[in-house]
Amino acid sequence: MPKMKTHRGTKKRMALTGSGKVMRMKGHRGHNKMKKNKRQLFAMGDMHPVASRGYRKMVRKLLPYGTGR
């Protein structure tokens, strides 16, 4: 059976931790950083755990080898 391919868009946006948690970035990270206040800029830098069980399942299928940031 051939190797499964990693979904490249998911790899750039999600990460799997060593303990198996699925982490995601918050939105609103666009080109318009000059107009954001300090609190918004700090919030953009963090990775947050995915809460939805179904969404976690989907991400694990898209990242079959645990790749990510």
Protein backbone atom coordinates (compact mmCIF):
# COMPACT_ATOMS: atom_id res chain seq x y z
CA MET A 1 0.00 0.00 0.00
CA PRO A 2 1.41 3.44 -0.89
CA LYS A 3 2.20 6.09 1.67
CA MET A 4 -0.54 8.53 2.60
CA LYS A 5 0.01 12.16 1.68
CA THR A 6 -0.04 14.92 4.26
CA HIS A 7 -2.52 17.73 3.55
CA ARG A 8 -0.20 20.69 3.02
CA GLY A 9 -2.67 23.41 4.01
CA THR A 10 -3.40 21.66 7.30
CA LYS A 11 0.30 21.16 7.96
CA LYS A 12 0.86 24.92 7.71
CA ARG A 13 -2.01 25.81 10.05
CA MET A 14 -2.19 23.01 12.64
CA ALA A 15 0.23 21.12 14.84
CA LEU A 16 0.13 17.89 16.80
CA THR A 17 1.85 17.90 20.18
CA GLY A 18 3.82 15.00 21.58
CA SER A 19 0.90 14.00 23.79
CA GLY A 20 -1.46 13.96 20.80
CA LYS A 21 -3.25 17.28 21.22
CA VAL A 22 -4.27 19.14 18.07
CA MET A 23 -3.24 22.80 18.19
CA ARG A 24 -4.48 25.56 15.91
CA MET A 25 -3.73 29.22 15.29
CA LYS A 26 -6.31 31.92 15.88
CA GLY A 27 -7.75 33.77 12.92
CA HIS A 28 -7.39 37.38 11.79
CA ARG A 29 -3.68 36.99 11.02
CA GLY A 30 -3.92 38.84 7.72
CA HIS A 31 -1.93 41.57 6.05
CA ASN A 32 -3.47 44.37 8.09
CA LYS A 33 -1.23 44.16 11.19
CA MET A 34 -0.57 47.88 11.40
CA LYS A 35 -4.18 48.57 12.44
CA LYS A 36 -4.32 45.94 15.20
CA ASN A 37 -3.85 46.84 18.84
CA LYS A 38 -1.27 45.23 21.13
CA ARG A 39 -3.70 42.75 22.70
CA GLN A 40 -4.76 41.45 19.27
CA LEU A 41 -1.13 41.10 18.14
CA PHE A 42 -0.20 39.03 21.21
CA ALA A 43 -3.27 36.79 20.76
CA MET A 44 -2.28 36.06 17.17
CA GLY A 45 1.04 34.50 18.14
CA ASP A 46 -0.39 31.69 20.25
CA MET A 47 -1.46 28.18 19.36
CA HIS A 48 -4.68 27.01 21.00
CA PRO A 49 -6.04 23.46 21.43
CA VAL A 50 -8.89 22.35 19.18
CA ALA A 51 -12.01 21.82 21.29
CA SER A 52 -14.31 19.92 18.92
CA ARG A 53 -13.87 16.14 18.93
CA GLY A 54 -15.00 15.75 15.33
CA TYR A 55 -12.63 18.46 14.14
CA ARG A 56 -9.70 16.80 15.95
CA LYS A 57 -10.54 13.53 14.21
CA MET A 58 -10.57 15.22 10.81
CA VAL A 59 -7.21 16.93 11.41
CA ARG A 60 -5.59 13.65 12.45
CA LYS A 61 -6.68 12.11 9.15
CA LEU A 62 -5.20 15.03 7.22
CA LEU A 63 -1.92 14.76 9.17
CA PRO A 64 -1.36 10.98 9.13
CA TYR A 65 2.25 11.08 10.33
CA GLY A 66 1.88 13.65 13.07
CA THR A 67 3.60 16.39 11.12
CA GLY A 68 3.05 20.04 11.68
CA ARG A 69 4.81 22.93 13.36
